[in-house]
Amino acid sequence: MQQFLPAELMEPQWLLLLFATMWVGITSLLAMMSGWSSLAGHVRADGRVDGQRFRFVSGSMGMRWFPVSYGGCLFVTVNDAGFGLAIFFLFRLMSPPLFVPWREVESVELRRFLFWRFVVVRVRNHWTAISIRGAAGDAILSAHRRACPSADAS
C-alpha cells in the first residue's frame, strides 16, 4: 500500500503545522467568499456593541446561490442604531466584528424555506447578503422596522 505522505511528515510537529496551515487557509478563504472581509472595510465594529445579545446563532453570508454557512457560531447584538455581528473566535481570522448601522441597510426581508424562517439583510453598496435565523433574525427585523418605519421591510 502506497503512503500519501512520507513517514517523516507524519510526525506530530509536521501534522500540527499542516493542520494550522490548512485552518488559516480555509478560514481566510471562507471570509473572502462570504464577503465578510470586504464588508469589514465598510462597517467594521469600533468597539463593544451594546444591546440585545444572541449567542451561537446560525446564519449565512455571501452570494445568493453560494453562501457560506455559519452554523451556530455567530454572535448577534441588536440595538436602536443597528446590529453587530461577530463570529466565534476560532473562525475569526479575516472576519473582524461588524456593526451595521441602520442607515447602511438597504433592505431587511423575512423569508421562509420549508419550515425555517430567516431574515435576509442587504447592505447598501455591497454584494453580500446576510441571512440570520431564529430569534436574532426576528430582533433585527423588528428593530429595523422601528428605526426605519418608511423602509420596505416585509
Protein backbone atom coordinates (compact mmCIF):
# COMPACT_ATOMS: atom_id res chain seq x y z
CA MET A 1 0.00 0.00 0.00
CA GLN A 2 1.40 3.37 -1.01
CA GLN A 3 1.51 6.16 1.58
CA PHE A 4 0.11 9.58 0.74
CA LEU A 5 2.78 11.40 2.76
CA PRO A 6 6.37 10.37 3.52
CA ALA A 7 6.84 8.90 7.01
CA GLU A 8 8.84 11.95 8.14
CA LEU A 9 5.85 14.22 7.54
CA MET A 10 3.60 12.01 9.66
CA GLU A 11 5.39 13.10 12.84
CA PRO A 12 3.31 15.23 15.24
CA GLN A 13 5.12 18.54 14.67
CA TRP A 14 4.56 18.34 10.90
CA LEU A 15 0.93 17.30 11.29
CA LEU A 16 0.34 20.23 13.64
CA LEU A 17 1.94 22.62 11.15
CA LEU A 18 -0.12 21.15 8.29
CA PHE A 19 -3.32 21.46 10.35
CA ALA A 20 -2.58 25.08 11.32
CA THR A 21 -1.77 25.99 7.70
CA MET A 22 -4.98 24.43 6.45
CA TRP A 23 -7.00 26.14 9.23
CA VAL A 24 -5.62 29.56 8.29
CA GLY A 25 -6.15 28.92 4.59
CA ILE A 26 -9.70 27.65 4.88
CA THR A 27 -10.92 30.32 7.34
CA SER A 28 -9.36 33.04 5.17
CA LEU A 29 -10.98 31.62 2.03
CA LEU A 30 -14.40 31.46 3.73
CA ALA A 31 -14.05 35.07 4.94
CA MET A 32 -13.38 36.21 1.37
CA MET A 33 -16.08 34.01 -0.24
CA SER A 34 -18.73 35.19 2.21
CA GLY A 35 -17.88 38.86 1.74
CA TRP A 36 -17.16 39.28 5.45
CA SER A 37 -13.63 40.60 4.93
CA SER A 38 -14.69 43.15 2.29
CA LEU A 39 -17.74 44.19 4.32
CA ALA A 40 -15.41 44.86 7.27
CA GLY A 41 -13.87 47.65 5.21
CA HIS A 42 -17.22 49.49 5.36
CA VAL A 43 -18.89 48.52 8.64
CA ARG A 44 -16.21 47.18 10.98
CA ALA A 45 -17.13 47.50 14.67
CA ASP A 46 -15.00 50.06 16.52
CA GLY A 47 -15.56 48.52 19.93
CA ARG A 48 -18.03 46.57 22.00
CA VAL A 49 -21.63 46.80 20.79
CA ASP A 50 -24.30 47.10 23.47
CA GLY A 51 -27.85 45.89 23.04
CA GLN A 52 -29.89 42.70 22.95
CA ARG A 53 -27.46 39.78 22.60
CA PHE A 54 -27.90 36.44 20.88
CA ARG A 55 -25.21 33.77 21.14
CA PHE A 56 -24.38 30.83 18.91
CA VAL A 57 -26.76 31.92 16.17
CA SER A 58 -26.94 30.20 12.79
CA GLY A 59 -26.89 32.12 9.56
CA SER A 60 -25.15 32.55 6.25
CA MET A 61 -23.44 35.24 4.26
CA GLY A 62 -22.43 35.62 0.65
CA MET A 63 -23.88 35.32 -2.81
CA ARG A 64 -27.44 34.11 -3.25
CA TRP A 65 -26.63 30.74 -4.81
CA PHE A 66 -23.37 30.02 -2.96
CA PRO A 67 -23.47 31.43 0.58
CA VAL A 68 -21.06 30.49 3.34
CA SER A 69 -22.98 28.87 6.19
CA TYR A 70 -22.18 29.79 9.79
CA GLY A 71 -23.93 27.09 11.80
CA GLY A 72 -24.22 28.08 15.44
CA CYS A 73 -21.05 30.18 15.55
CA LEU A 74 -22.37 33.75 15.18
CA PHE A 75 -22.92 36.34 17.90
CA VAL A 76 -25.53 38.97 17.11
CA THR A 77 -26.25 42.19 19.01
CA VAL A 78 -29.23 44.36 18.09
CA ASN A 79 -29.87 47.93 19.23
CA ASP A 80 -31.62 51.11 18.04
CA ALA A 81 -28.60 52.21 15.98
CA GLY A 82 -28.03 48.95 14.05
CA PHE A 83 -26.82 45.40 14.62
CA GLY A 84 -23.49 43.82 15.43
CA LEU A 85 -22.22 40.58 14.01
CA ALA A 86 -19.24 38.58 15.27
CA ILE A 87 -18.02 35.05 14.74
CA PHE A 88 -16.66 32.53 17.23
CA PHE A 89 -13.00 33.37 17.91
CA LEU A 90 -11.62 30.17 16.34
CA PHE A 91 -13.03 31.23 12.96
CA ARG A 92 -12.38 34.99 13.27
CA LEU A 93 -9.29 35.23 11.03
CA MET A 94 -10.05 37.91 8.40
CA SER A 95 -13.58 38.18 9.89
CA PRO A 96 -13.47 41.02 12.43
CA PRO A 97 -16.63 42.00 14.33
CA LEU A 98 -19.03 44.13 12.29
CA PHE A 99 -21.53 46.81 13.24
CA VAL A 100 -24.07 47.62 10.54
CA PRO A 101 -25.90 50.91 11.23
CA TRP A 102 -29.49 51.06 10.01
CA ARG A 103 -28.59 53.87 7.58
CA GLU A 104 -26.29 51.37 5.76
CA VAL A 105 -29.04 48.75 5.45
CA GLU A 106 -30.69 48.64 2.05
CA SER A 107 -33.37 46.08 2.97
CA VAL A 108 -34.45 43.57 5.58
CA GLU A 109 -36.77 40.80 4.43
CA LEU A 110 -38.46 37.94 6.21
CA ARG A 111 -38.18 34.72 4.21
CA ARG A 112 -39.17 31.11 4.63
CA PHE A 113 -37.72 27.87 3.35
CA LEU A 114 -39.75 24.77 4.17
CA PHE A 115 -40.17 25.05 7.97
CA TRP A 116 -37.45 27.63 8.63
CA ARG A 117 -37.88 31.37 8.98
CA PHE A 118 -34.93 33.66 8.46
CA VAL A 119 -34.19 37.30 7.83
CA VAL A 120 -32.10 38.49 4.89
CA VAL A 121 -30.24 41.79 5.31
CA ARG A 122 -28.76 43.59 2.32
CA VAL A 123 -26.17 46.28 2.96
CA ARG A 124 -26.01 49.36 0.71
CA ASN A 125 -23.32 49.29 -1.97
CA HIS A 126 -22.19 45.75 -1.14
CA TRP A 127 -22.85 42.47 -2.90
CA THR A 128 -23.21 40.17 0.09
CA ALA A 129 -26.49 39.14 1.71
CA ILE A 130 -26.60 38.31 5.42
CA SER A 131 -29.15 35.68 6.50
CA ILE A 132 -29.89 35.23 10.20
CA ARG A 133 -32.17 32.55 11.63
CA GLY A 134 -34.26 32.38 14.75
CA ALA A 135 -34.86 34.97 17.45
CA ALA A 136 -31.84 37.04 16.38
CA GLY A 137 -33.30 37.44 12.89
CA ASP A 138 -36.68 38.41 14.33
CA ALA A 139 -34.98 41.02 16.56
CA ILE A 140 -33.13 42.50 13.57
CA LEU A 141 -36.37 42.72 11.59
CA SER A 142 -38.35 44.41 14.39
CA ALA A 143 -35.51 46.82 15.29
CA HIS A 144 -35.16 47.81 11.63
CA ARG A 145 -38.89 48.42 11.37
CA ARG A 146 -38.75 50.65 14.46
CA ALA A 147 -35.69 52.56 13.24
CA CYS A 148 -36.83 52.91 9.62
CA PRO A 149 -40.63 52.86 9.54
CA SER A 150 -40.72 54.08 5.93
CA ALA A 151 -38.42 51.25 4.75
CA ASP A 152 -39.97 48.44 2.79
CA ALA A 153 -39.37 45.57 5.23
CA SER A 154 -41.58 42.58 4.54
